[in-house]
Amino acid sequence: MRAVVSRVARASVTVDGAAVGKIEEPGLLVLLGVTHSDGAEQAARMARKLHEIRALRDEESCATTGAPMLVVSQFTLYGSTRKGRRPSWTEAARPEQAEPVVDEVVERLRERGARVATGVFGAEMAVDSVNDGPFTLLIDA
């Protein structure tokens, strides 16, 4: 499992012109990718990392500040460009495997007390964010 995490002042995701998820205060935008070997164990580990990562101002975390997260599924995080110019998606989990894992991460975050907004799995989404920093991390779990 892989996540690109950005510290943001605010962020939103829109589907068909309607905002489906947004955070309107400082927090984290999480683009989350799933590979074939990911399951409940990786979801739990990723949720813990995301909630506790000290990526907010003054080395704070969402766990310590209650800052919100916007989690958006992003299969392209497992795109490979090692050969040629056309990305290969073979390392990305198929939707029927990936969707429950993304849902598990969100569920685990909420069980930890995190405030989580989401996109819509598999939808054509427009993500809008105002970065704070910029501060962006790549997290593997």
N, C-alpha and C. Protein backbone atom coordinates (compact mmCIF):
# COMPACT_ATOMS: atom_id res chain seq x y z
N MET A 1 0.85 -1.17 0.00
CA MET A 1 0.00 0.00 0.00
C MET A 1 0.89 1.22 0.00
N ARG A 2 0.44 2.21 -0.73
CA ARG A 2 1.25 3.42 -0.91
C ARG A 2 0.33 4.64 -0.80
N ALA A 3 0.84 5.69 -0.16
CA ALA A 3 0.08 6.93 -0.05
C ALA A 3 0.99 8.11 -0.35
N VAL A 4 0.45 9.08 -1.04
CA VAL A 4 1.08 10.39 -1.19
C VAL A 4 0.27 11.31 -0.29
N VAL A 5 0.95 11.90 0.69
CA VAL A 5 0.29 12.69 1.72
C VAL A 5 0.79 14.12 1.64
N SER A 6 -0.14 15.05 1.49
CA SER A 6 0.21 16.47 1.45
C SER A 6 -0.46 17.20 2.60
N ARG A 7 0.31 18.06 3.22
CA ARG A 7 -0.26 18.95 4.23
C ARG A 7 -0.98 20.06 3.47
N VAL A 8 -2.25 20.27 3.79
CA VAL A 8 -3.05 21.24 3.05
C VAL A 8 -3.75 22.22 3.98
N ALA A 9 -4.03 23.40 3.43
CA ALA A 9 -4.85 24.38 4.15
C ALA A 9 -6.32 24.01 4.01
N ARG A 10 -6.66 23.43 2.84
CA ARG A 10 -8.00 22.91 2.57
C ARG A 10 -7.91 22.05 1.32
N ALA A 11 -8.90 21.16 1.14
CA ALA A 11 -8.92 20.29 -0.04
C ALA A 11 -10.34 19.80 -0.26
N SER A 12 -10.63 19.47 -1.52
CA SER A 12 -11.95 18.92 -1.85
C SER A 12 -11.83 18.00 -3.05
N VAL A 13 -12.83 17.14 -3.19
CA VAL A 13 -12.92 16.26 -4.34
C VAL A 13 -14.34 16.38 -4.89
N THR A 14 -14.41 16.52 -6.22
CA THR A 14 -15.67 16.74 -6.90
C THR A 14 -15.92 15.63 -7.91
N VAL A 15 -17.15 15.16 -7.98
CA VAL A 15 -17.58 14.17 -8.97
C VAL A 15 -18.80 14.74 -9.68
N ASP A 16 -18.74 14.78 -10.99
CA ASP A 16 -19.85 15.32 -11.79
C ASP A 16 -20.30 16.70 -11.32
N GLY A 17 -19.33 17.54 -10.97
CA GLY A 17 -19.63 18.91 -10.58
C GLY A 17 -20.09 19.10 -9.15
N ALA A 18 -20.22 18.03 -8.39
CA ALA A 18 -20.68 18.12 -7.00
C ALA A 18 -19.56 17.72 -6.05
N ALA A 19 -19.34 18.53 -5.02
CA ALA A 19 -18.34 18.19 -4.01
C ALA A 19 -18.83 16.99 -3.22
N VAL A 20 -18.02 15.93 -3.20
CA VAL A 20 -18.40 14.71 -2.48
C VAL A 20 -17.61 14.54 -1.18
N GLY A 21 -16.48 15.23 -1.08
CA GLY A 21 -15.66 15.19 0.12
C GLY A 21 -14.84 16.45 0.20
N LYS A 22 -14.72 17.00 1.41
CA LYS A 22 -13.88 18.20 1.54
C LYS A 22 -13.45 18.39 2.98
N ILE A 23 -12.32 19.04 3.12
CA ILE A 23 -11.88 19.52 4.42
C ILE A 23 -11.63 21.01 4.26
N GLU A 24 -12.13 21.79 5.18
CA GLU A 24 -12.08 23.25 5.05
C GLU A 24 -11.19 23.90 6.08
N GLU A 25 -10.27 23.11 6.61
CA GLU A 25 -9.30 23.62 7.57
C GLU A 25 -8.01 22.83 7.38
N PRO A 26 -6.91 23.28 7.97
CA PRO A 26 -5.64 22.55 7.78
C PRO A 26 -5.75 21.08 8.17
N GLY A 27 -5.18 20.24 7.32
CA GLY A 27 -5.18 18.81 7.54
C GLY A 27 -4.34 18.12 6.49
N LEU A 28 -4.70 16.87 6.15
CA LEU A 28 -3.92 16.08 5.19
C LEU A 28 -4.80 15.62 4.03
N LEU A 29 -4.25 15.75 2.83
CA LEU A 29 -4.82 15.15 1.63
C LEU A 29 -4.05 13.87 1.40
N VAL A 30 -4.76 12.74 1.33
CA VAL A 30 -4.14 11.42 1.19
C VAL A 30 -4.60 10.79 -0.12
N LEU A 31 -3.65 10.60 -1.04
CA LEU A 31 -3.92 9.83 -2.26
C LEU A 31 -3.44 8.42 -1.96
N LEU A 32 -4.33 7.43 -2.05
CA LEU A 32 -4.06 6.08 -1.54
C LEU A 32 -4.13 5.05 -2.66
N GLY A 33 -3.02 4.31 -2.83
CA GLY A 33 -2.95 3.25 -3.83
C GLY A 33 -2.81 1.89 -3.18
N VAL A 34 -3.41 0.88 -3.83
CA VAL A 34 -3.42 -0.49 -3.31
C VAL A 34 -2.80 -1.41 -4.34
N THR A 35 -1.95 -2.34 -3.87
CA THR A 35 -1.36 -3.36 -4.74
C THR A 35 -1.93 -4.73 -4.38
N HIS A 36 -1.56 -5.74 -5.14
CA HIS A 36 -2.15 -7.08 -5.03
C HIS A 36 -2.01 -7.74 -3.67
N SER A 37 -0.92 -7.49 -2.98
CA SER A 37 -0.66 -8.17 -1.71
C SER A 37 -1.26 -7.44 -0.50
N ASP A 38 -1.96 -6.35 -0.71
CA ASP A 38 -2.51 -5.59 0.41
C ASP A 38 -3.82 -6.18 0.91
N GLY A 39 -3.99 -6.07 2.22
CA GLY A 39 -5.20 -6.56 2.87
C GLY A 39 -5.41 -5.84 4.18
N ALA A 40 -6.10 -6.48 5.10
CA ALA A 40 -6.47 -5.87 6.38
C ALA A 40 -5.24 -5.45 7.20
N GLU A 41 -4.19 -6.27 7.18
CA GLU A 41 -2.99 -5.94 7.95
C GLU A 41 -2.35 -4.64 7.45
N GLN A 42 -2.21 -4.52 6.15
CA GLN A 42 -1.61 -3.31 5.57
C GLN A 42 -2.53 -2.10 5.79
N ALA A 43 -3.84 -2.32 5.72
CA ALA A 43 -4.79 -1.23 5.94
C ALA A 43 -4.67 -0.69 7.37
N ALA A 44 -4.56 -1.58 8.34
CA ALA A 44 -4.41 -1.15 9.73
C ALA A 44 -3.10 -0.40 9.93
N ARG A 45 -2.02 -0.90 9.34
CA ARG A 45 -0.72 -0.24 9.46
C ARG A 45 -0.75 1.14 8.81
N MET A 46 -1.37 1.24 7.62
CA MET A 46 -1.44 2.53 6.93
C MET A 46 -2.29 3.52 7.73
N ALA A 47 -3.42 3.06 8.26
CA ALA A 47 -4.27 3.95 9.06
C ALA A 47 -3.51 4.51 10.25
N ARG A 48 -2.76 3.66 10.93
CA ARG A 48 -1.97 4.13 12.08
C ARG A 48 -0.94 5.16 11.64
N LYS A 49 -0.22 4.86 10.54
CA LYS A 49 0.79 5.80 10.06
C LYS A 49 0.18 7.14 9.67
N LEU A 50 -0.92 7.08 8.93
CA LEU A 50 -1.56 8.32 8.49
C LEU A 50 -2.04 9.15 9.67
N HIS A 51 -2.63 8.51 10.64
CA HIS A 51 -3.17 9.23 11.80
C HIS A 51 -2.07 9.81 12.68
N GLU A 52 -0.95 9.10 12.77
CA GLU A 52 0.10 9.51 13.71
C GLU A 52 1.29 10.23 13.07
N ILE A 53 1.33 10.31 11.73
CA ILE A 53 2.49 10.95 11.08
C ILE A 53 2.55 12.43 11.49
N ARG A 54 3.72 12.85 11.91
CA ARG A 54 3.89 14.22 12.39
C ARG A 54 4.22 15.14 11.21
N ALA A 55 3.21 15.35 10.36
CA ALA A 55 3.39 16.12 9.14
C ALA A 55 2.73 17.50 9.21
N LEU A 56 2.00 17.77 10.29
CA LEU A 56 1.36 19.07 10.43
C LEU A 56 2.33 20.08 11.03
N ARG A 57 1.94 21.31 11.06
CA ARG A 57 2.80 22.36 11.65
C ARG A 57 3.22 21.97 13.06
N ASP A 58 4.40 22.42 13.45
CA ASP A 58 4.97 22.15 14.78
C ASP A 58 5.10 20.67 15.08
N GLU A 59 5.33 19.86 14.03
CA GLU A 59 5.50 18.42 14.15
C GLU A 59 4.34 17.74 14.85
N GLU A 60 3.13 18.23 14.59
CA GLU A 60 1.92 17.63 15.15
C GLU A 60 1.36 16.62 14.15
N SER A 61 0.42 15.80 14.62
CA SER A 61 -0.24 14.80 13.79
C SER A 61 -1.75 15.02 13.85
N CYS A 62 -2.47 14.33 13.00
CA CYS A 62 -3.93 14.37 13.08
C CYS A 62 -4.40 13.77 14.40
N ALA A 63 -3.66 12.80 14.91
CA ALA A 63 -4.02 12.17 16.19
C ALA A 63 -3.92 13.16 17.34
N THR A 64 -2.92 14.04 17.30
CA THR A 64 -2.73 14.97 18.42
C THR A 64 -3.54 16.25 18.28
N THR A 65 -3.90 16.62 17.05
CA THR A 65 -4.60 17.89 16.84
C THR A 65 -6.07 17.73 16.47
N GLY A 66 -6.45 16.54 16.01
CA GLY A 66 -7.81 16.35 15.52
C GLY A 66 -8.02 16.90 14.12
N ALA A 67 -6.92 17.23 13.43
CA ALA A 67 -7.02 17.76 12.07
C ALA A 67 -7.66 16.72 11.14
N PRO A 68 -8.41 17.18 10.15
CA PRO A 68 -9.10 16.25 9.25
C PRO A 68 -8.20 15.71 8.15
N MET A 69 -8.69 14.65 7.50
CA MET A 69 -8.03 14.05 6.34
C MET A 69 -9.05 13.89 5.22
N LEU A 70 -8.58 14.07 4.00
CA LEU A 70 -9.37 13.75 2.81
C LEU A 70 -8.65 12.60 2.13
N VAL A 71 -9.28 11.42 2.07
CA VAL A 71 -8.67 10.22 1.50
C VAL A 71 -9.30 9.96 0.13
N VAL A 72 -8.43 9.87 -0.89
CA VAL A 72 -8.87 9.66 -2.27
C VAL A 72 -8.13 8.46 -2.84
N SER A 73 -8.87 7.48 -3.35
CA SER A 73 -8.22 6.31 -3.95
C SER A 73 -7.49 6.73 -5.22
N GLN A 74 -6.31 6.14 -5.46
CA GLN A 74 -5.46 6.57 -6.57
C GLN A 74 -4.66 5.38 -7.09
N PHE A 75 -5.25 4.58 -8.00
CA PHE A 75 -4.57 3.39 -8.50
C PHE A 75 -3.29 3.75 -9.25
N THR A 76 -3.18 4.96 -9.78
CA THR A 76 -2.01 5.33 -10.58
C THR A 76 -0.73 5.41 -9.75
N LEU A 77 -0.83 5.35 -8.43
CA LEU A 77 0.39 5.34 -7.60
C LEU A 77 1.21 4.08 -7.84
N TYR A 78 0.59 3.06 -8.41
CA TYR A 78 1.31 1.84 -8.74
C TYR A 78 1.58 1.72 -10.24
N GLY A 79 1.51 2.83 -10.95
CA GLY A 79 1.89 2.83 -12.36
C GLY A 79 3.40 2.72 -12.49
N SER A 80 3.86 1.92 -13.44
CA SER A 80 5.29 1.74 -13.67
C SER A 80 5.65 2.31 -15.04
N THR A 81 6.75 3.06 -15.06
CA THR A 81 7.26 3.63 -16.31
C THR A 81 8.67 3.14 -16.58
N ARG A 82 9.01 1.99 -16.04
CA ARG A 82 10.37 1.45 -16.21
C ARG A 82 10.68 1.12 -17.67
N LYS A 83 9.68 0.68 -18.41
CA LYS A 83 9.89 0.31 -19.80
C LYS A 83 9.02 1.21 -20.68
N GLY A 84 9.63 1.87 -21.63
CA GLY A 84 8.88 2.66 -22.59
C GLY A 84 8.30 3.93 -22.00
N ARG A 85 7.33 4.47 -22.71
CA ARG A 85 6.72 5.73 -22.31
C ARG A 85 5.29 5.59 -21.86
N ARG A 86 4.75 4.41 -21.97
CA ARG A 86 3.37 4.16 -21.58
C ARG A 86 3.35 3.48 -20.22
N PRO A 87 2.65 4.06 -19.23
CA PRO A 87 2.62 3.43 -17.90
C PRO A 87 1.96 2.06 -17.93
N SER A 88 2.48 1.18 -17.10
CA SER A 88 1.90 -0.14 -16.90
C SER A 88 1.19 -0.13 -15.55
N TRP A 89 0.00 -0.71 -15.50
CA TRP A 89 -0.79 -0.71 -14.27
C TRP A 89 -0.83 -2.09 -13.61
N THR A 90 0.07 -2.99 -13.98
CA THR A 90 0.00 -4.37 -13.48
C THR A 90 0.21 -4.48 -11.97
N GLU A 91 0.87 -3.53 -11.36
CA GLU A 91 1.10 -3.60 -9.91
C GLU A 91 -0.08 -3.06 -9.11
N ALA A 92 -0.99 -2.36 -9.75
CA ALA A 92 -2.18 -1.85 -9.05
C ALA A 92 -3.19 -2.98 -8.88
N ALA A 93 -3.80 -3.03 -7.72
CA ALA A 93 -4.83 -4.04 -7.46
C ALA A 93 -6.06 -3.75 -8.32
N ARG A 94 -6.74 -4.80 -8.73
CA ARG A 94 -7.99 -4.65 -9.48
C ARG A 94 -9.03 -3.97 -8.58
N PRO A 95 -9.98 -3.27 -9.15
CA PRO A 95 -10.97 -2.54 -8.33
C PRO A 95 -11.68 -3.40 -7.29
N GLU A 96 -12.05 -4.63 -7.66
CA GLU A 96 -12.78 -5.47 -6.70
C GLU A 96 -11.92 -5.86 -5.49
N GLN A 97 -10.59 -5.82 -5.64
CA GLN A 97 -9.71 -6.07 -4.50
C GLN A 97 -9.38 -4.77 -3.78
N ALA A 98 -9.16 -3.71 -4.53
CA ALA A 98 -8.69 -2.44 -3.95
C ALA A 98 -9.77 -1.72 -3.14
N GLU A 99 -10.99 -1.71 -3.63
CA GLU A 99 -12.03 -0.93 -2.95
C GLU A 99 -12.23 -1.34 -1.49
N PRO A 100 -12.34 -2.64 -1.17
CA PRO A 100 -12.50 -2.99 0.25
C PRO A 100 -11.29 -2.61 1.10
N VAL A 101 -10.10 -2.60 0.51
CA VAL A 101 -8.91 -2.23 1.28
C VAL A 101 -8.92 -0.73 1.56
N VAL A 102 -9.27 0.07 0.58
CA VAL A 102 -9.39 1.52 0.80
C VAL A 102 -10.46 1.78 1.86
N ASP A 103 -11.60 1.10 1.77
CA ASP A 103 -12.66 1.25 2.77
C ASP A 103 -12.17 0.86 4.16
N GLU A 104 -11.33 -0.17 4.22
CA GLU A 104 -10.78 -0.63 5.50
C GLU A 104 -9.87 0.44 6.12
N VAL A 105 -9.06 1.09 5.30
CA VAL A 105 -8.20 2.17 5.82
C VAL A 105 -9.07 3.28 6.41
N VAL A 106 -10.08 3.69 5.68
CA VAL A 106 -10.97 4.76 6.15
C VAL A 106 -11.67 4.34 7.44
N GLU A 107 -12.17 3.11 7.48
CA GLU A 107 -12.83 2.59 8.68
C GLU A 107 -11.88 2.59 9.88
N ARG A 108 -10.66 2.11 9.66
CA ARG A 108 -9.66 2.07 10.76
C ARG A 108 -9.33 3.48 11.24
N LEU A 109 -9.22 4.44 10.31
CA LEU A 109 -8.97 5.83 10.71
C LEU A 109 -10.10 6.34 11.58
N ARG A 110 -11.32 6.08 11.16
CA ARG A 110 -12.48 6.56 11.93
C ARG A 110 -12.56 5.88 13.29
N GLU A 111 -12.19 4.61 13.37
CA GLU A 111 -12.16 3.91 14.66
C GLU A 111 -11.15 4.56 15.60
N ARG A 112 -10.10 5.13 15.04
CA ARG A 112 -9.08 5.81 15.84
C ARG A 112 -9.53 7.22 16.24
N GLY A 113 -10.69 7.65 15.76
CA GLY A 113 -11.20 8.98 16.10
C GLY A 113 -10.88 10.04 15.07
N ALA A 114 -10.32 9.65 13.93
CA ALA A 114 -9.96 10.62 12.90
C ALA A 114 -11.21 11.13 12.19
N ARG A 115 -11.17 12.39 11.81
CA ARG A 115 -12.22 12.97 10.96
C ARG A 115 -11.78 12.76 9.51
N VAL A 116 -12.55 11.98 8.75
CA VAL A 116 -12.14 11.57 7.41
C VAL A 116 -13.24 11.88 6.41
N ALA A 117 -12.87 12.61 5.36
CA ALA A 117 -13.73 12.79 4.19
C ALA A 117 -13.13 11.93 3.09
N THR A 118 -13.94 11.55 2.10
CA THR A 118 -13.45 10.67 1.04
C THR A 118 -13.95 11.11 -0.32
N GLY A 119 -13.29 10.55 -1.34
CA GLY A 119 -13.79 10.65 -2.70
C GLY A 119 -14.74 9.49 -2.94
N VAL A 120 -15.00 9.20 -4.22
CA VAL A 120 -15.86 8.09 -4.61
C VAL A 120 -15.01 7.10 -5.39
N PHE A 121 -14.87 5.90 -4.87
CA PHE A 121 -14.01 4.90 -5.49
C PHE A 121 -14.41 4.67 -6.94
N GLY A 122 -13.44 4.72 -7.83
CA GLY A 122 -13.64 4.41 -9.23
C GLY A 122 -14.25 5.53 -10.05
N ALA A 123 -14.65 6.62 -9.42
CA ALA A 123 -15.27 7.73 -10.15
C ALA A 123 -14.19 8.61 -10.78
N GLU A 124 -14.60 9.35 -11.78
CA GLU A 124 -13.74 10.38 -12.37
C GLU A 124 -13.82 11.57 -11.42
N MET A 125 -12.73 11.82 -10.69
CA MET A 125 -12.74 12.84 -9.64
C MET A 125 -11.83 14.00 -9.99
N ALA A 126 -12.24 15.18 -9.57
CA ALA A 126 -11.39 16.37 -9.65
C ALA A 126 -10.99 16.71 -8.22
N VAL A 127 -9.70 16.72 -7.97
CA VAL A 127 -9.20 17.01 -6.63
C VAL A 127 -8.61 18.41 -6.63
N ASP A 128 -9.04 19.22 -5.69
CA ASP A 128 -8.58 20.59 -5.55
C ASP A 128 -7.96 20.72 -4.17
N SER A 129 -6.77 21.31 -4.11
CA SER A 129 -6.14 21.48 -2.80
C SER A 129 -5.30 22.74 -2.78
N VAL A 130 -5.17 23.29 -1.58
CA VAL A 130 -4.25 24.39 -1.33
C VAL A 130 -3.19 23.83 -0.39
N ASN A 131 -2.00 23.60 -0.94
CA ASN A 131 -0.93 23.01 -0.14
C ASN A 131 -0.45 23.99 0.92
N ASP A 132 -0.02 23.44 2.02
CA ASP A 132 0.53 24.21 3.13
C ASP A 132 1.98 23.82 3.27
N GLY A 133 2.85 24.62 2.74
CA GLY A 133 4.28 24.31 2.84
C GLY A 133 5.06 24.70 1.63
N PRO A 134 5.11 23.96 0.60
CA PRO A 134 4.52 22.64 0.39
C PRO A 134 5.21 21.57 1.25
N PHE A 135 4.43 20.59 1.61
CA PHE A 135 4.92 19.51 2.45
C PHE A 135 4.24 18.24 1.98
N THR A 136 4.98 17.36 1.30
CA THR A 136 4.42 16.15 0.73
C THR A 136 5.32 14.97 1.04
N LEU A 137 4.71 13.85 1.46
CA LEU A 137 5.44 12.63 1.81
C LEU A 137 4.91 11.45 1.01
N LEU A 138 5.78 10.49 0.75
CA LEU A 138 5.39 9.20 0.19
C LEU A 138 5.49 8.20 1.32
N ILE A 139 4.38 7.50 1.60
CA ILE A 139 4.33 6.56 2.71
C ILE A 139 4.00 5.18 2.16
N ASP A 140 4.80 4.18 2.50
CA ASP A 140 4.54 2.80 2.14
C ASP A 140 4.22 2.02 3.39
N ALA A 141 3.23 1.13 3.30
CA ALA A 141 2.88 0.29 4.46
C ALA A 141 2.70 -1.14 3.99
